[in-house]
Amino acid sequence: MKNRSNFTIFTTIFSVLACIGLAYGTGGPESPDPSPFPVNSNTADGYRALENSGNNFNSAFGWFSLFFNTDATFNTGVGAGTLFFNNGGVNTAVGAAALFFNTTGGADNAVGVNALRDNDSGTFNNAHGRSALFSNVDGSQNNALGDLALTDNVSGNFNTGIGDDALLSCTGNSNTALGDEAGANVAGGEGNIYIGAQVLGVPNEPEFIRIGNDTAFTFPYDTFIAGIFNRPVALATAVLVYVDDTGKLGTNLVDAAGNKVATPQAMLNESRNQQKRIAELEGTVARLAGMVKEQAAQIQKVSAQLEVNKPAPQVVVNKP
């Protein structure tokens, strides 16, 4: 996945700039350093860099950097062709052809050759690495850190790929990947989380969580997760958890056709019912014991009263 050639950089820049050269003339000196503020707040160094920009606090260093920028402010381009078509604000591009095709996109940051090269109107994107977010056109709030990270994304939003080739083919939304090639196969998947090297994922899968990849190594993982062992779980809502040979976790068992089958969960449910019945019986016994105790007290009280009211015995004297 790392063999994409940088030839696209030069073919793109030279073909476009050749046309610009024909239209504007091939001559012309290097862009002069602008006058000090307040006359001009721009800084330019490079052939035709910032040639068309107004006094807008922009900085361009490199051949044709920020060439078409006119009204946009607070942009910085470092490298040949950086922000070439730009007229959006608050962008930073470092590396040849970074944010090359950007027009109205703003608050984008691209560091690396070809980073965010095709971005047109996407905003709040961060790309760090060669060709990171290379194909992004109007996707926004994406974060790519690594060589070719999120390189195929065009319109997807809210994705984060950290690692070389992370979310390489992603065009969906709200995916998160951490690790070399993590989520590289996700394509149009939505809301997925991939953690670990070569946890590639499956195209177009929705809302999957994949951590670690046994198939990429010659040894199996042991999994340790804190906060599970010796922790209480409410019996009333507890369910059994199963795992299959792919590492997938779930609470329902299904056959090959996907039909739900009987599970030991019934045993847990029966145990839960028994616990409920036992609790009810214990409550009944407690109530009966209380009644017996109260009745015993009443009997004792009545017995005491009877003893008090009992007439005194009479003595009979026998006469001679």
C-alpha atoms as a PDB file:
ATOM      1  CA  MET A   1       0.000   0.000   0.000  1.00  0.00           C
ATOM      2  CA  LYS A   2       3.013   2.260   0.312  1.00  0.00           C
ATOM      3  CA  ASN A   3       4.091   2.117  -3.349  1.00  0.00           C
ATOM      4  CA  ARG A   4       2.069   5.045  -4.673  1.00  0.00           C
ATOM      5  CA  SER A   5       4.461   7.207  -6.652  1.00  0.00           C
ATOM      6  CA  ASN A   6       5.188  10.850  -6.006  1.00  0.00           C
ATOM      7  CA  PHE A   7       5.093  11.245  -9.791  1.00  0.00           C
ATOM      8  CA  THR A   8       1.536  12.566  -9.425  1.00  0.00           C
ATOM      9  CA  ILE A   9       2.961  15.575  -7.600  1.00  0.00           C
ATOM     10  CA  PHE A  10       5.096  16.672 -10.482  1.00  0.00           C
ATOM     11  CA  THR A  11       2.648  15.834 -13.255  1.00  0.00           C
ATOM     12  CA  THR A  12      -0.023  17.808 -11.451  1.00  0.00           C
ATOM     13  CA  ILE A  13       2.135  20.832 -10.682  1.00  0.00           C
ATOM     14  CA  PHE A  14       3.859  21.032 -14.028  1.00  0.00           C
ATOM     15  CA  SER A  15       0.712  20.517 -16.091  1.00  0.00           C
ATOM     16  CA  VAL A  16      -1.238  23.124 -14.177  1.00  0.00           C
ATOM     17  CA  LEU A  17       1.587  25.604 -13.929  1.00  0.00           C
ATOM     18  CA  ALA A  18       2.401  25.160 -17.593  1.00  0.00           C
ATOM     19  CA  CYS A  19      -1.115  26.291 -18.423  1.00  0.00           C
ATOM     20  CA  ILE A  20      -0.780  29.208 -16.006  1.00  0.00           C
ATOM     21  CA  GLY A  21       2.518  30.120 -17.579  1.00  0.00           C
ATOM     22  CA  LEU A  22       0.959  30.222 -21.046  1.00  0.00           C
ATOM     23  CA  ALA A  23      -1.904  32.347 -19.794  1.00  0.00           C
ATOM     24  CA  TYR A  24       0.130  34.801 -17.772  1.00  0.00           C
ATOM     25  CA  GLY A  25       3.416  34.613 -19.601  1.00  0.00           C
ATOM     26  CA  THR A  26       6.420  32.575 -18.707  1.00  0.00           C
ATOM     27  CA  GLY A  27       8.591  35.458 -17.664  1.00  0.00           C
ATOM     28  CA  GLY A  28       8.454  37.589 -14.573  1.00  0.00           C
ATOM     29  CA  PRO A  29      10.748  38.026 -11.619  1.00  0.00           C
ATOM     30  CA  GLU A  30      10.598  36.298  -8.314  1.00  0.00           C
ATOM     31  CA  SER A  31       7.937  37.771  -6.039  1.00  0.00           C
ATOM     32  CA  PRO A  32       9.523  40.676  -4.173  1.00  0.00           C
ATOM     33  CA  ASP A  33       9.394  40.882  -0.449  1.00  0.00           C
ATOM     34  CA  PRO A  34       6.315  42.957   0.426  1.00  0.00           C
ATOM     35  CA  SER A  35       6.708  46.279   2.153  1.00  0.00           C
ATOM     36  CA  PRO A  36       6.633  46.363   5.929  1.00  0.00           C
ATOM     37  CA  PHE A  37       3.339  46.647   7.807  1.00  0.00           C
ATOM     38  CA  PRO A  38       1.083  48.647   7.654  1.00  0.00           C
ATOM     39  CA  VAL A  39       1.703  49.090   3.920  1.00  0.00           C
ATOM     40  CA  ASN A  40       1.545  45.342   3.316  1.00  0.00           C
ATOM     41  CA  SER A  41       1.107  42.556   5.876  1.00  0.00           C
ATOM     42  CA  ASN A  42       1.979  39.699   3.492  1.00  0.00           C
ATOM     43  CA  THR A  43       5.264  37.837   3.294  1.00  0.00           C
ATOM     44  CA  ALA A  44       6.330  36.118   0.081  1.00  0.00           C
ATOM     45  CA  ASP A  45       9.484  34.448  -1.142  1.00  0.00           C
ATOM     46  CA  GLY A  46       9.387  32.386  -4.324  1.00  0.00           C
ATOM     47  CA  TYR A  47       8.574  32.666  -8.011  1.00  0.00           C
ATOM     48  CA  ARG A  48       5.116  34.320  -8.313  1.00  0.00           C
ATOM     49  CA  ALA A  49       4.278  33.469  -4.714  1.00  0.00           C
ATOM     50  CA  LEU A  50       1.301  35.472  -3.392  1.00  0.00           C
ATOM     51  CA  GLU A  51       1.270  37.365  -6.690  1.00  0.00           C
ATOM     52  CA  ASN A  52      -2.435  38.269  -6.548  1.00  0.00           C
ATOM     53  CA  SER A  53      -3.083  38.633  -2.831  1.00  0.00           C
ATOM     54  CA  GLY A  54      -4.228  41.774  -1.097  1.00  0.00           C
ATOM     55  CA  ASN A  55      -2.944  42.999   2.227  1.00  0.00           C
ATOM     56  CA  ASN A  56      -4.274  39.993   4.140  1.00  0.00           C
ATOM     57  CA  PHE A  57      -1.642  38.652   6.549  1.00  0.00           C
ATOM     58  CA  ASN A  58      -0.626  35.746   4.328  1.00  0.00           C
ATOM     59  CA  SER A  59       2.795  34.097   4.027  1.00  0.00           C
ATOM     60  CA  ALA A  60       4.009  32.150   1.008  1.00  0.00           C
ATOM     61  CA  PHE A  61       7.400  30.520   0.551  1.00  0.00           C
ATOM     62  CA  GLY A  62       7.849  28.532  -2.646  1.00  0.00           C
ATOM     63  CA  TRP A  63       7.222  28.426  -6.361  1.00  0.00           C
ATOM     64  CA  PHE A  64       3.638  29.669  -7.101  1.00  0.00           C
ATOM     65  CA  SER A  65       2.678  29.284  -3.453  1.00  0.00           C
ATOM     66  CA  LEU A  66      -0.719  30.934  -2.823  1.00  0.00           C
ATOM     67  CA  PHE A  67      -0.642  32.151  -6.419  1.00  0.00           C
ATOM     68  CA  PHE A  68      -4.412  32.674  -6.885  1.00  0.00           C
ATOM     69  CA  ASN A  69      -5.104  33.912  -3.358  1.00  0.00           C
ATOM     70  CA  THR A  70      -6.777  37.314  -3.492  1.00  0.00           C
ATOM     71  CA  ASP A  71      -8.970  38.112  -0.481  1.00  0.00           C
ATOM     72  CA  ALA A  72      -8.417  35.239   1.949  1.00  0.00           C
ATOM     73  CA  THR A  73      -6.498  35.945   5.126  1.00  0.00           C
ATOM     74  CA  PHE A  74      -4.079  34.292   7.566  1.00  0.00           C
ATOM     75  CA  ASN A  75      -2.829  31.568   5.218  1.00  0.00           C
ATOM     76  CA  THR A  76       0.649  30.072   5.236  1.00  0.00           C
ATOM     77  CA  GLY A  77       2.152  28.076   2.384  1.00  0.00           C
ATOM     78  CA  VAL A  78       5.632  26.554   2.497  1.00  0.00           C
ATOM     79  CA  GLY A  79       6.640  24.557  -0.569  1.00  0.00           C
ATOM     80  CA  ALA A  80       6.151  24.577  -4.328  1.00  0.00           C
ATOM     81  CA  GLY A  81       2.490  24.877  -5.300  1.00  0.00           C
ATOM     82  CA  THR A  82       1.191  25.010  -1.763  1.00  0.00           C
ATOM     83  CA  LEU A  83      -2.332  26.488  -1.594  1.00  0.00           C
ATOM     84  CA  PHE A  84      -1.988  27.280  -5.303  1.00  0.00           C
ATOM     85  CA  PHE A  85      -5.708  27.850  -6.009  1.00  0.00           C
ATOM     86  CA  ASN A  86      -6.565  28.970  -2.505  1.00  0.00           C
ATOM     87  CA  ASN A  87      -9.021  31.668  -1.592  1.00  0.00           C
ATOM     88  CA  GLY A  88     -10.072  30.237   1.769  1.00  0.00           C
ATOM     89  CA  GLY A  89      -8.855  31.507   5.105  1.00  0.00           C
ATOM     90  CA  VAL A  90      -6.725  30.315   7.991  1.00  0.00           C
ATOM     91  CA  ASN A  91      -5.051  27.440   6.146  1.00  0.00           C
ATOM     92  CA  THR A  92      -1.544  26.103   6.654  1.00  0.00           C
ATOM     93  CA  ALA A  93       0.243  23.994   4.035  1.00  0.00           C
ATOM     94  CA  VAL A  94       3.794  22.680   4.353  1.00  0.00           C
ATOM     95  CA  GLY A  95       5.171  20.426   1.610  1.00  0.00           C
ATOM     96  CA  ALA A  96       5.085  20.433  -2.175  1.00  0.00           C
ATOM     97  CA  ALA A  97       1.500  20.530  -3.521  1.00  0.00           C
ATOM     98  CA  ALA A  98      -0.025  20.485  -0.040  1.00  0.00           C
ATOM     99  CA  LEU A  99      -3.597  21.873  -0.304  1.00  0.00           C
ATOM    100  CA  PHE A 100      -2.805  22.512  -3.971  1.00  0.00           C
ATOM    101  CA  PHE A 101      -6.410  22.566  -5.241  1.00  0.00           C
ATOM    102  CA  ASN A 102      -7.991  24.194  -2.204  1.00  0.00           C
ATOM    103  CA  THR A 103     -10.354  27.005  -3.131  1.00  0.00           C
ATOM    104  CA  THR A 104     -12.808  27.896  -0.342  1.00  0.00           C
ATOM    105  CA  GLY A 105     -11.835  25.401   2.353  1.00  0.00           C
ATOM    106  CA  GLY A 106     -10.758  27.007   5.601  1.00  0.00           C
ATOM    107  CA  ALA A 107      -9.018  26.115   8.840  1.00  0.00           C
ATOM    108  CA  ASP A 108      -7.221  23.195   7.157  1.00  0.00           C
ATOM    109  CA  ASN A 109      -3.722  22.089   8.106  1.00  0.00           C
ATOM    110  CA  ALA A 110      -1.610  20.001   5.748  1.00  0.00           C
ATOM    111  CA  VAL A 111       1.961  18.934   6.468  1.00  0.00           C
ATOM    112  CA  GLY A 112       3.628  16.643   3.944  1.00  0.00           C
ATOM    113  CA  VAL A 113       4.047  16.264   0.227  1.00  0.00           C
ATOM    114  CA  ASN A 114       0.594  16.083  -1.413  1.00  0.00           C
ATOM    115  CA  ALA A 115      -1.179  16.311   1.939  1.00  0.00           C
ATOM    116  CA  LEU A 116      -4.814  17.376   1.354  1.00  0.00           C
ATOM    117  CA  ARG A 117      -3.835  17.986  -2.255  1.00  0.00           C
ATOM    118  CA  ASP A 118      -7.326  17.708  -3.763  1.00  0.00           C
ATOM    119  CA  ASN A 119      -9.160  19.523  -0.986  1.00  0.00           C
ATOM    120  CA  ASP A 120     -11.565  22.069  -2.425  1.00  0.00           C
ATOM    121  CA  SER A 121     -14.111  23.168   0.188  1.00  0.00           C
ATOM    122  CA  GLY A 122     -13.494  20.850   3.144  1.00  0.00           C
ATOM    123  CA  THR A 123     -12.864  22.569   6.447  1.00  0.00           C
ATOM    124  CA  PHE A 124     -11.190  21.834   9.793  1.00  0.00           C
ATOM    125  CA  ASN A 125      -9.120  18.966   8.380  1.00  0.00           C
ATOM    126  CA  ASN A 126      -5.691  18.019   9.712  1.00  0.00           C
ATOM    127  CA  ALA A 127      -3.318  15.975   7.574  1.00  0.00           C
ATOM    128  CA  HIS A 128       0.237  15.119   8.555  1.00  0.00           C
ATOM    129  CA  GLY A 129       2.153  12.778   6.268  1.00  0.00           C
ATOM    130  CA  ARG A 130       2.805  12.161   2.594  1.00  0.00           C
ATOM    131  CA  SER A 131      -0.497  12.155   0.689  1.00  0.00           C
ATOM    132  CA  ALA A 132      -2.495  12.130   3.902  1.00  0.00           C
ATOM    133  CA  LEU A 133      -6.110  13.010   2.996  1.00  0.00           C
ATOM    134  CA  PHE A 134      -4.812  13.269  -0.570  1.00  0.00           C
ATOM    135  CA  SER A 135      -8.197  12.858  -2.310  1.00  0.00           C
ATOM    136  CA  ASN A 136     -10.329  14.813   0.126  1.00  0.00           C
ATOM    137  CA  VAL A 137     -12.547  17.287  -1.709  1.00  0.00           C
ATOM    138  CA  ASP A 138     -15.304  18.440   0.621  1.00  0.00           C
ATOM    139  CA  GLY A 139     -14.985  16.211   3.687  1.00  0.00           C
ATOM    140  CA  SER A 140     -14.594  18.085   6.948  1.00  0.00           C
ATOM    141  CA  GLN A 141     -13.266  17.564  10.461  1.00  0.00           C
ATOM    142  CA  ASN A 142     -11.026  14.655   9.508  1.00  0.00           C
ATOM    143  CA  ASN A 143      -7.685  13.915  11.137  1.00  0.00           C
ATOM    144  CA  ALA A 144      -4.994  11.940   9.343  1.00  0.00           C
ATOM    145  CA  LEU A 145      -1.563  11.296  10.828  1.00  0.00           C
ATOM    146  CA  GLY A 146       0.726   9.033   8.845  1.00  0.00           C
ATOM    147  CA  ASP A 147       1.928   8.255   5.352  1.00  0.00           C
ATOM    148  CA  LEU A 148      -1.189   7.806   3.101  1.00  0.00           C
ATOM    149  CA  ALA A 149      -3.558   8.017   6.051  1.00  0.00           C
ATOM    150  CA  LEU A 150      -7.124   8.593   4.804  1.00  0.00           C
ATOM    151  CA  THR A 151      -5.676   9.100   1.337  1.00  0.00           C
ATOM    152  CA  ASP A 152      -8.827   7.956  -0.536  1.00  0.00           C
ATOM    153  CA  ASN A 153     -11.317   9.943   1.501  1.00  0.00           C
ATOM    154  CA  VAL A 154     -13.326  12.312  -0.692  1.00  0.00           C
ATOM    155  CA  SER A 155     -16.403  13.464   1.221  1.00  0.00           C
ATOM    156  CA  GLY A 156     -16.303  11.571   4.501  1.00  0.00           C
ATOM    157  CA  ASN A 157     -16.492  13.529   7.743  1.00  0.00           C
ATOM    158  CA  PHE A 158     -15.364  13.064  11.368  1.00  0.00           C
ATOM    159  CA  ASN A 159     -12.777  10.363  10.619  1.00  0.00           C
ATOM    160  CA  THR A 160      -9.518   9.920  12.524  1.00  0.00           C
ATOM    161  CA  GLY A 161      -6.709   7.754  11.189  1.00  0.00           C
ATOM    162  CA  ILE A 162      -3.380   7.541  13.022  1.00  0.00           C
ATOM    163  CA  GLY A 163      -0.683   5.378  11.452  1.00  0.00           C
ATOM    164  CA  ASP A 164       0.709   4.745   7.978  1.00  0.00           C
ATOM    165  CA  ASP A 165      -2.169   3.748   5.637  1.00  0.00           C
ATOM    166  CA  ALA A 166      -4.666   4.125   8.473  1.00  0.00           C
ATOM    167  CA  LEU A 167      -8.207   4.305   7.003  1.00  0.00           C
ATOM    168  CA  LEU A 168      -6.514   4.234   3.601  1.00  0.00           C
ATOM    169  CA  SER A 169      -9.665   3.589   1.534  1.00  0.00           C
ATOM    170  CA  CYS A 170     -12.156   5.255   3.862  1.00  0.00           C
ATOM    171  CA  THR A 171     -14.982   7.245   2.251  1.00  0.00           C
ATOM    172  CA  GLY A 172     -17.471   6.869   5.094  1.00  0.00           C
ATOM    173  CA  ASN A 173     -18.005   8.890   8.258  1.00  0.00           C
ATOM    174  CA  SER A 174     -17.074   8.768  11.945  1.00  0.00           C
ATOM    175  CA  ASN A 175     -14.457   6.006  11.714  1.00  0.00           C
ATOM    176  CA  THR A 176     -11.499   5.835  14.091  1.00  0.00           C
ATOM    177  CA  ALA A 177      -8.315   3.847  13.464  1.00  0.00           C
ATOM    178  CA  LEU A 178      -5.075   3.583  15.416  1.00  0.00           C
ATOM    179  CA  GLY A 179      -2.145   1.573  14.066  1.00  0.00           C
ATOM    180  CA  ASP A 180      -0.282   0.825  10.857  1.00  0.00           C
ATOM    181  CA  GLU A 181      -2.909  -0.014   8.183  1.00  0.00           C
ATOM    182  CA  ALA A 182      -5.632   0.049  10.798  1.00  0.00           C
ATOM    183  CA  GLY A 183      -9.006   0.228   9.069  1.00  0.00           C
ATOM    184  CA  ALA A 184      -7.329   0.280   5.656  1.00  0.00           C
ATOM    185  CA  ASN A 185     -10.177  -1.706   4.041  1.00  0.00           C
ATOM    186  CA  VAL A 186     -13.128   0.072   5.623  1.00  0.00           C
ATOM    187  CA  ALA A 187     -14.188   1.935   2.438  1.00  0.00           C
ATOM    188  CA  GLY A 188     -17.729   3.247   3.033  1.00  0.00           C
ATOM    189  CA  GLY A 189     -18.052   1.916   6.566  1.00  0.00           C
ATOM    190  CA  GLU A 190     -19.613   4.091   9.246  1.00  0.00           C
ATOM    191  CA  GLY A 191     -18.873   4.505  12.948  1.00  0.00           C
ATOM    192  CA  ASN A 192     -16.168   1.841  13.218  1.00  0.00           C
ATOM    193  CA  ILE A 193     -13.246   1.607  15.643  1.00  0.00           C
ATOM    194  CA  TYR A 194     -10.034  -0.233  14.716  1.00  0.00           C
ATOM    195  CA  ILE A 195      -7.079  -0.551  17.084  1.00  0.00           C
ATOM    196  CA  GLY A 196      -3.862  -2.373  16.262  1.00  0.00           C
ATOM    197  CA  ALA A 197      -1.471  -2.912  13.370  1.00  0.00           C
ATOM    198  CA  GLN A 198      -3.055  -4.557  10.290  1.00  0.00           C
ATOM    199  CA  VAL A 199      -6.540  -4.534  11.782  1.00  0.00           C
ATOM    200  CA  LEU A 200      -7.777  -3.939   8.247  1.00  0.00           C
ATOM    201  CA  GLY A 201     -11.521  -4.188   8.706  1.00  0.00           C
ATOM    202  CA  VAL A 202     -14.100  -5.134   6.090  1.00  0.00           C
ATOM    203  CA  PRO A 203     -15.478  -2.831   3.382  1.00  0.00           C
ATOM    204  CA  ASN A 204     -18.698  -1.015   4.263  1.00  0.00           C
ATOM    205  CA  GLU A 205     -19.189  -2.605   7.675  1.00  0.00           C
ATOM    206  CA  PRO A 206     -21.237  -0.508  10.132  1.00  0.00           C
ATOM    207  CA  GLU A 207     -20.351   0.200  13.761  1.00  0.00           C
ATOM    208  CA  PHE A 208     -17.807  -2.566  14.344  1.00  0.00           C
ATOM    209  CA  ILE A 209     -15.116  -2.524  17.012  1.00  0.00           C
ATOM    210  CA  ARG A 210     -11.991  -4.509  16.141  1.00  0.00           C
ATOM    211  CA  ILE A 211      -9.007  -4.656  18.486  1.00  0.00           C
ATOM    212  CA  GLY A 212      -5.933  -6.671  17.524  1.00  0.00           C
ATOM    213  CA  ASN A 213      -5.441  -9.056  14.622  1.00  0.00           C
ATOM    214  CA  ASP A 214      -4.523 -12.675  15.366  1.00  0.00           C
ATOM    215  CA  THR A 215      -4.162 -13.577  11.684  1.00  0.00           C
ATOM    216  CA  ALA A 216      -1.249 -11.203  11.203  1.00  0.00           C
ATOM    217  CA  PHE A 217       0.995 -12.952  13.715  1.00  0.00           C
ATOM    218  CA  THR A 218       2.234 -16.431  14.549  1.00  0.00           C
ATOM    219  CA  PHE A 219       1.120 -16.172  18.161  1.00  0.00           C
ATOM    220  CA  PRO A 220      -2.300 -15.621  19.738  1.00  0.00           C
ATOM    221  CA  TYR A 221      -3.135 -12.681  21.928  1.00  0.00           C
ATOM    222  CA  ASP A 222      -3.940 -12.835  25.609  1.00  0.00           C
ATOM    223  CA  THR A 223      -6.431 -10.151  26.556  1.00  0.00           C
ATOM    224  CA  PHE A 224      -6.384  -8.258  29.814  1.00  0.00           C
ATOM    225  CA  ILE A 225      -9.033  -5.633  30.538  1.00  0.00           C
ATOM    226  CA  ALA A 226      -9.235  -3.943  33.913  1.00  0.00           C
ATOM    227  CA  GLY A 227     -12.505  -3.217  35.644  1.00  0.00           C
ATOM    228  CA  ILE A 228     -14.232  -6.540  34.849  1.00  0.00           C
ATOM    229  CA  PHE A 229     -13.001  -9.222  37.232  1.00  0.00           C
ATOM    230  CA  ASN A 230     -14.554  -9.179  40.696  1.00  0.00           C
ATOM    231  CA  ARG A 231     -16.985  -6.422  39.765  1.00  0.00           C
ATOM    232  CA  PRO A 232     -20.707  -6.694  40.615  1.00  0.00           C
ATOM    233  CA  VAL A 233     -23.292  -7.107  37.864  1.00  0.00           C
ATOM    234  CA  ALA A 234     -27.030  -6.714  38.451  1.00  0.00           C
ATOM    235  CA  LEU A 235     -28.634 -10.166  38.346  1.00  0.00           C
ATOM    236  CA  ALA A 236     -31.902  -8.717  37.085  1.00  0.00           C
ATOM    237  CA  THR A 237     -30.321  -7.589  33.810  1.00  0.00           C
ATOM    238  CA  ALA A 238     -27.274  -9.865  33.502  1.00  0.00           C
ATOM    239  CA  VAL A 239     -26.773 -11.893  30.288  1.00  0.00           C
ATOM    240  CA  LEU A 240     -24.255 -14.498  29.204  1.00  0.00           C
ATOM    241  CA  VAL A 241     -21.544 -13.430  26.758  1.00  0.00           C
ATOM    242  CA  TYR A 242     -20.192 -15.745  24.030  1.00  0.00           C
ATOM    243  CA  VAL A 243     -17.192 -15.582  21.703  1.00  0.00           C
ATOM    244  CA  ASP A 244     -16.698 -17.343  18.361  1.00  0.00           C
ATOM    245  CA  ASP A 245     -13.510 -18.341  16.543  1.00  0.00           C
ATOM    246  CA  THR A 246     -13.272 -14.922  14.838  1.00  0.00           C
ATOM    247  CA  GLY A 247     -13.045 -13.197  18.194  1.00  0.00           C
ATOM    248  CA  LYS A 248     -16.516 -11.696  17.907  1.00  0.00           C
ATOM    249  CA  LEU A 249     -18.400 -11.217  21.172  1.00  0.00           C
ATOM    250  CA  GLY A 250     -22.164 -11.377  21.556  1.00  0.00           C
ATOM    251  CA  THR A 251     -25.057 -12.404  23.776  1.00  0.00           C
ATOM    252  CA  ASN A 252     -27.152 -14.335  21.207  1.00  0.00           C
ATOM    253  CA  LEU A 253     -26.247 -17.655  19.572  1.00  0.00           C
ATOM    254  CA  VAL A 254     -27.216 -18.128  15.908  1.00  0.00           C
ATOM    255  CA  ASP A 255     -26.866 -21.021  13.470  1.00  0.00           C
ATOM    256  CA  ALA A 256     -25.165 -20.906  10.071  1.00  0.00           C
ATOM    257  CA  ALA A 257     -28.275 -19.307   8.582  1.00  0.00           C
ATOM    258  CA  GLY A 258     -28.295 -16.597  11.200  1.00  0.00           C
ATOM    259  CA  ASN A 259     -31.278 -17.984  13.104  1.00  0.00           C
ATOM    260  CA  LYS A 260     -31.284 -17.558  16.851  1.00  0.00           C
ATOM    261  CA  VAL A 261     -30.985 -20.826  18.749  1.00  0.00           C
ATOM    262  CA  ALA A 262     -31.697 -21.880  22.309  1.00  0.00           C
ATOM    263  CA  THR A 263     -28.967 -20.853  24.691  1.00  0.00           C
ATOM    264  CA  PRO A 264     -27.885 -21.419  28.282  1.00  0.00           C
ATOM    265  CA  GLN A 265     -29.328 -17.979  28.850  1.00  0.00           C
ATOM    266  CA  ALA A 266     -32.547 -19.849  29.722  1.00  0.00           C
ATOM    267  CA  MET A 267     -30.696 -21.407  32.647  1.00  0.00           C
ATOM    268  CA  LEU A 268     -29.631 -17.968  33.794  1.00  0.00           C
ATOM    269  CA  ASN A 269     -33.191 -16.728  33.414  1.00  0.00           C
ATOM    270  CA  GLU A 270     -34.503 -19.712  35.412  1.00  0.00           C
ATOM    271  CA  SER A 271     -31.870 -19.076  38.079  1.00  0.00           C
ATOM    272  CA  ARG A 272     -32.965 -15.453  38.143  1.00  0.00           C
ATOM    273  CA  ASN A 273     -36.607 -16.547  38.567  1.00  0.00           C
ATOM    274  CA  GLN A 274     -35.627 -18.963  41.329  1.00  0.00           C
ATOM    275  CA  GLN A 275     -33.757 -16.213  43.101  1.00  0.00           C
ATOM    276  CA  LYS A 276     -36.857 -14.062  42.852  1.00  0.00           C
ATOM    277  CA  ARG A 277     -39.085 -16.838  44.210  1.00  0.00           C
ATOM    278  CA  ILE A 278     -36.633 -17.533  47.045  1.00  0.00           C
ATOM    279  CA  ALA A 279     -36.615 -13.849  47.914  1.00  0.00           C
ATOM    280  CA  GLU A 280     -40.423 -13.836  47.948  1.00  0.00           C
ATOM    281  CA  LEU A 281     -40.510 -16.977  50.161  1.00  0.00           C
ATOM    282  CA  GLU A 282     -37.975 -15.502  52.523  1.00  0.00           C
ATOM    283  CA  GLY A 283     -40.143 -12.418  52.804  1.00  0.00           C
ATOM    284  CA  THR A 284     -43.206 -14.558  53.509  1.00  0.00           C
ATOM    285  CA  VAL A 285     -41.356 -16.581  56.154  1.00  0.00           C
ATOM    286  CA  ALA A 286     -40.155 -13.376  57.770  1.00  0.00           C
ATOM    287  CA  ARG A 287     -43.675 -12.027  57.898  1.00  0.00           C
ATOM    288  CA  LEU A 288     -45.046 -15.314  59.351  1.00  0.00           C
ATOM    289  CA  ALA A 289     -42.293 -15.399  61.954  1.00  0.00           C
ATOM    290  CA  GLY A 290     -43.231 -11.888  62.950  1.00  0.00           C
ATOM    291  CA  MET A 291     -46.880 -12.874  63.249  1.00  0.00           C
ATOM    292  CA  VAL A 292     -46.012 -15.957  65.357  1.00  0.00           C
ATOM    293  CA  LYS A 293     -43.839 -13.863  67.624  1.00  0.00           C
ATOM    294  CA  GLU A 294     -46.615 -11.317  68.052  1.00  0.00           C
ATOM    295  CA  GLN A 295     -49.176 -14.054  68.776  1.00  0.00           C
ATOM    296  CA  ALA A 296     -46.860 -15.665  71.337  1.00  0.00           C
ATOM    297  CA  ALA A 297     -46.544 -12.323  73.070  1.00  0.00           C
ATOM    298  CA  GLN A 298     -50.331 -11.948  73.136  1.00  0.00           C
ATOM    299  CA  ILE A 299     -50.785 -15.475  74.568  1.00  0.00           C
ATOM    300  CA  GLN A 300     -48.243 -14.770  77.260  1.00  0.00           C
ATOM    301  CA  LYS A 301     -50.035 -11.546  78.148  1.00  0.00           C
ATOM    302  CA  VAL A 302     -53.423 -13.243  78.368  1.00  0.00           C
ATOM    303  CA  SER A 303     -51.948 -16.043  80.490  1.00  0.00           C
ATOM    304  CA  ALA A 304     -50.542 -13.509  82.883  1.00  0.00           C
ATOM    305  CA  GLN A 305     -53.904 -11.765  83.212  1.00  0.00           C
ATOM    306  CA  LEU A 306     -55.691 -15.069  83.862  1.00  0.00           C
ATOM    307  CA  GLU A 307     -53.197 -15.882  86.558  1.00  0.00           C
ATOM    308  CA  VAL A 308     -53.882 -12.561  88.288  1.00  0.00           C
ATOM    309  CA  ASN A 309     -57.663 -12.972  88.153  1.00  0.00           C
ATOM    310  CA  LYS A 310     -57.617 -16.559  89.422  1.00  0.00           C
ATOM    311  CA  PRO A 311     -59.484 -16.806  92.843  1.00  0.00           C
ATOM    312  CA  ALA A 312     -57.450 -17.618  95.898  1.00  0.00           C
ATOM    313  CA  PRO A 313     -57.724 -21.221  97.119  1.00  0.00           C
ATOM    314  CA  GLN A 314     -59.974 -21.806 100.191  1.00  0.00           C
ATOM    315  CA  VAL A 315     -58.852 -23.873 103.203  1.00  0.00           C
ATOM    316  CA  VAL A 316     -61.368 -26.314 104.646  1.00  0.00           C
ATOM    317  CA  VAL A 317     -61.048 -27.046 108.372  1.00  0.00           C
ATOM    318  CA  ASN A 318     -62.185 -30.420 109.484  1.00  0.00           C
ATOM    319  CA  LYS A 319     -64.146 -30.351 112.765  1.00  0.00           C
ATOM    320  CA  PRO A 320     -63.686 -33.150 115.288  1.00  0.00           C
END
